[in-house]
C-alpha atoms as a PDB file:
ATOM      1  CA  MET A   1      35.482  27.947 -40.944  1.00  0.00           C
ATOM      2  CA  ARG A   2      34.489  24.377 -40.074  1.00  0.00           C
ATOM      3  CA  ARG A   3      36.585  21.498 -41.290  1.00  0.00           C
ATOM      4  CA  THR A   4      33.746  18.910 -41.145  1.00  0.00           C
ATOM      5  CA  PRO A   5      30.159  19.345 -42.220  1.00  0.00           C
ATOM      6  CA  LEU A   6      27.463  19.390 -39.560  1.00  0.00           C
ATOM      7  CA  ALA A   7      25.650  16.106 -39.036  1.00  0.00           C
ATOM      8  CA  LYS A   8      22.081  16.057 -40.204  1.00  0.00           C
ATOM      9  CA  LYS A   9      19.366  15.984 -37.583  1.00  0.00           C
ATOM     10  CA  ARG A  10      17.422  12.794 -37.192  1.00  0.00           C
ATOM     11  CA  ALA A  11      14.092  12.696 -38.949  1.00  0.00           C
ATOM     12  CA  THR A  12      12.611  10.609 -36.140  1.00  0.00           C
ATOM     13  CA  PRO A  13      13.462  10.381 -32.444  1.00  0.00           C
ATOM     14  CA  ARG A  14      15.322   7.334 -31.197  1.00  0.00           C
ATOM     15  CA  ARG A  15      12.353   5.955 -29.243  1.00  0.00           C
ATOM     16  CA  ASP A  16      10.508   5.353 -32.496  1.00  0.00           C
ATOM     17  CA  GLU A  17      13.275   3.128 -33.854  1.00  0.00           C
ATOM     18  CA  GLY A  18      11.918   0.146 -31.967  1.00  0.00           C
ATOM     19  CA  ARG A  19      14.806  -0.257 -29.554  1.00  0.00           C
ATOM     20  CA  VAL A  20      13.062   1.368 -26.578  1.00  0.00           C
ATOM     21  CA  ARG A  21       9.526   0.395 -25.696  1.00  0.00           C
ATOM     22  CA  HIS A  22       7.438   2.831 -23.720  1.00  0.00           C
ATOM     23  CA  GLU A  23       4.537   0.780 -22.461  1.00  0.00           C
ATOM     24  CA  ARG A  24       2.635   1.272 -19.286  1.00  0.00           C
ATOM     25  CA  ILE A  25       3.287  -1.306 -16.624  1.00  0.00           C
ATOM     26  CA  LYS A  26       0.141  -3.273 -15.886  1.00  0.00           C
ATOM     27  CA  ASP A  27      -1.620  -2.494 -12.646  1.00  0.00           C
ATOM     28  CA  ARG A  28      -0.149  -4.825 -10.059  1.00  0.00           C
ATOM     29  CA  GLY A  29      -2.697  -4.387  -7.325  1.00  0.00           C
ATOM     30  CA  ARG A  30      -2.133  -0.733  -6.617  1.00  0.00           C
ATOM     31  CA  PHE A  31      -5.855  -0.029  -6.701  1.00  0.00           C
ATOM     32  CA  PRO A  32      -8.483  -2.065  -4.842  1.00  0.00           C
ATOM     33  CA  THR A  33     -10.927  -4.129  -6.866  1.00  0.00           C
ATOM     34  CA  GLU A  34     -14.707  -3.872  -6.481  1.00  0.00           C
ATOM     35  CA  HIS A  35     -14.669  -7.101  -4.462  1.00  0.00           C
ATOM     36  CA  VAL A  36     -12.190  -5.629  -1.987  1.00  0.00           C
ATOM     37  CA  LYS A  37     -14.136  -2.354  -1.771  1.00  0.00           C
ATOM     38  CA  ARG A  38     -17.272  -4.314  -0.830  1.00  0.00           C
ATOM     39  CA  TYR A  39     -15.227  -6.064   1.864  1.00  0.00           C
ATOM     40  CA  TRP A  40     -14.039  -2.729   3.240  1.00  0.00           C
ATOM     41  CA  GLU A  41     -17.657  -1.587   3.548  1.00  0.00           C
ATOM     42  CA  THR A  42     -18.397  -4.537   5.843  1.00  0.00           C
ATOM     43  CA  LEU A  43     -15.650  -3.596   8.316  1.00  0.00           C
ATOM     44  CA  GLU A  44     -16.818  -1.976  11.524  1.00  0.00           C
ATOM     45  CA  ARG A  45     -15.934   1.738  11.650  1.00  0.00           C
ATOM     46  CA  ARG A  46     -14.291   1.441  15.039  1.00  0.00           C
ATOM     47  CA  CYS A  47     -10.601   1.482  15.936  1.00  0.00           C
ATOM     48  CA  VAL A  48      -9.467  -2.072  16.711  1.00  0.00           C
ATOM     49  CA  SER A  49      -6.850  -0.730  19.098  1.00  0.00           C
ATOM     50  CA  CYS A  50      -8.589   1.814  21.345  1.00  0.00           C
ATOM     51  CA  GLY A  51     -12.240   1.257  20.373  1.00  0.00           C
ATOM     52  CA  ARG A  52     -12.970   4.821  19.245  1.00  0.00           C
ATOM     53  CA  SER A  53     -15.709   5.108  16.671  1.00  0.00           C
ATOM     54  CA  GLY A  54     -16.210   7.856  14.156  1.00  0.00           C
ATOM     55  CA  GLU A  55     -13.214   8.934  12.127  1.00  0.00           C
ATOM     56  CA  THR A  56     -11.215   5.840  11.197  1.00  0.00           C
ATOM     57  CA  VAL A  57      -8.671   5.090   8.500  1.00  0.00           C
ATOM     58  CA  ILE A  58      -7.716   1.870   6.781  1.00  0.00           C
ATOM     59  CA  HIS A  59      -4.318   0.479   7.749  1.00  0.00           C
ATOM     60  CA  HIS A  60      -2.822  -2.003   5.274  1.00  0.00           C
ATOM     61  CA  ILE A  61      -0.801  -4.847   6.713  1.00  0.00           C
ATOM     62  CA  LEU A  62       2.510  -4.834   4.850  1.00  0.00           C
ATOM     63  CA  ALA A  63       3.845  -8.238   3.859  1.00  0.00           C
ATOM     64  CA  ARG A  64       7.629  -8.405   3.936  1.00  0.00           C
ATOM     65  CA  LEU A  65       8.781 -10.219   0.804  1.00  0.00           C
ATOM     66  CA  SER A  66      12.457  -9.580   1.366  1.00  0.00           C
ATOM     67  CA  GLU A  67      14.672  -7.297   3.440  1.00  0.00           C
ATOM     68  CA  LYS A  68      13.905  -4.257   1.291  1.00  0.00           C
ATOM     69  CA  LEU A  69      10.686  -5.155  -0.517  1.00  0.00           C
ATOM     70  CA  ARG A  70       7.386  -4.790   1.302  1.00  0.00           C
ATOM     71  CA  GLN A  71       4.068  -5.288  -0.436  1.00  0.00           C
ATOM     72  CA  ARG A  72       0.656  -3.952   0.476  1.00  0.00           C
ATOM     73  CA  ASP A  73      -2.340  -6.278   0.184  1.00  0.00           C
ATOM     74  CA  HIS A  74      -5.809  -4.717   0.061  1.00  0.00           C
ATOM     75  CA  ARG A  75      -7.410  -7.777   1.653  1.00  0.00           C
ATOM     76  CA  PHE A  76      -5.505  -7.593   4.916  1.00  0.00           C
ATOM     77  CA  VAL A  77      -6.547  -4.297   6.497  1.00  0.00           C
ATOM     78  CA  VAL A  78      -7.707  -3.079   9.906  1.00  0.00           C
ATOM     79  CA  MET A  79      -9.564   0.058  10.908  1.00  0.00           C
ATOM     80  CA  LEU A  80      -7.607   2.435  13.140  1.00  0.00           C
ATOM     81  CA  CYS A  81      -8.247   5.933  14.458  1.00  0.00           C
ATOM     82  CA  PRO A  82      -5.723   8.574  13.326  1.00  0.00           C
ATOM     83  CA  GLY A  83      -4.054   8.490  16.745  1.00  0.00           C
ATOM     84  CA  CYS A  84      -3.399   4.750  16.629  1.00  0.00           C
ATOM     85  CA  HIS A  85      -2.515   4.857  12.932  1.00  0.00           C
ATOM     86  CA  ASN A  86       0.134   7.580  12.677  1.00  0.00           C
ATOM     87  CA  MET A  87      -0.424  10.497  15.060  1.00  0.00           C
ATOM     88  CA  SER A  88       0.736   9.355  18.504  1.00  0.00           C
ATOM     89  CA  ASP A  89       4.045   8.025  19.788  1.00  0.00           C
ATOM     90  CA  THR A  90       2.609   4.502  20.094  1.00  0.00           C
ATOM     91  CA  SER A  91       0.991   4.465  16.634  1.00  0.00           C
ATOM     92  CA  VAL A  92       1.746   1.795  14.055  1.00  0.00           C
ATOM     93  CA  HIS A  93       3.693   4.053  11.716  1.00  0.00           C
ATOM     94  CA  MET A  94       5.633   5.847  14.454  1.00  0.00           C
ATOM     95  CA  LEU A  95       6.727   2.501  15.909  1.00  0.00           C
ATOM     96  CA  GLY A  96       7.658   1.258  12.443  1.00  0.00           C
ATOM     97  CA  SER A  97       5.883  -2.075  12.086  1.00  0.00           C
ATOM     98  CA  GLU A  98       2.971  -4.221  13.170  1.00  0.00           C
ATOM     99  CA  ALA A  99       5.345  -6.331  15.277  1.00  0.00           C
ATOM    100  CA  ALA A 100       6.557  -3.291  17.211  1.00  0.00           C
ATOM    101  CA  PHE A 101       2.938  -2.177  17.689  1.00  0.00           C
ATOM    102  CA  HIS A 102       2.066  -5.659  18.974  1.00  0.00           C
ATOM    103  CA  SER A 103       4.889  -5.632  21.494  1.00  0.00           C
ATOM    104  CA  ALA A 104       4.013  -2.091  22.673  1.00  0.00           C
ATOM    105  CA  THR A 105       0.238  -2.487  22.951  1.00  0.00           C
ATOM    106  CA  GLY A 106      -0.423  -6.227  22.997  1.00  0.00           C
ATOM    107  CA  ILE A 107      -2.774  -5.991  19.993  1.00  0.00           C
ATOM    108  CA  ASP A 108      -1.929  -8.232  17.040  1.00  0.00           C
ATOM    109  CA  LEU A 109      -3.099  -6.356  13.930  1.00  0.00           C
ATOM    110  CA  VAL A 110      -2.030  -9.150  11.588  1.00  0.00           C
ATOM    111  CA  GLU A 111      -4.200 -11.686  13.398  1.00  0.00           C
ATOM    112  CA  ILE A 112      -7.197  -9.314  13.389  1.00  0.00           C
ATOM    113  CA  ALA A 113      -6.808  -8.584   9.665  1.00  0.00           C
ATOM    114  CA  CYS A 114      -6.561 -12.289   8.796  1.00  0.00           C
ATOM    115  CA  ALA A 115      -9.602 -13.088  10.941  1.00  0.00           C
ATOM    116  CA  ASN A 116     -11.654 -10.319   9.292  1.00  0.00           C
ATOM    117  CA  TRP A 117     -10.797 -11.525   5.795  1.00  0.00           C
ATOM    118  CA  SER A 118     -11.541 -15.160   6.626  1.00  0.00           C
ATOM    119  CA  LYS A 119     -14.984 -14.188   8.037  1.00  0.00           C
ATOM    120  CA  TYR A 120     -15.880 -12.267   4.882  1.00  0.00           C
ATOM    121  CA  ASP A 121     -17.802 -14.442   2.418  1.00  0.00           C
ATOM    122  CA  GLY A 122     -18.504 -11.910  -0.341  1.00  0.00           C
END
């Protein structure tokens, strides 16, 4: 036998009481705009590192905002072949950063990306 009565169940869940708001966070640049997509179409489909044409991928230059926070900007991109992007030992992602890639290969991806964006007049 119970000494206290059972508590009644809530008629409504807590999230409907107004204390917790479940709203979607606004898109903060995760997806490229139509303007940026048109810019990407103007880029030459050739690897800026080794010069291979054909299959290329877009590499985003990551801006370091703080020690832990890095942000991707869709305007500052370069075209790389899969080998130079992330498949070989001297690729950008295997080396860890654009600076390490620059010191290993002598190619400054940040400078190329900035020059491409400044030439674009769309």
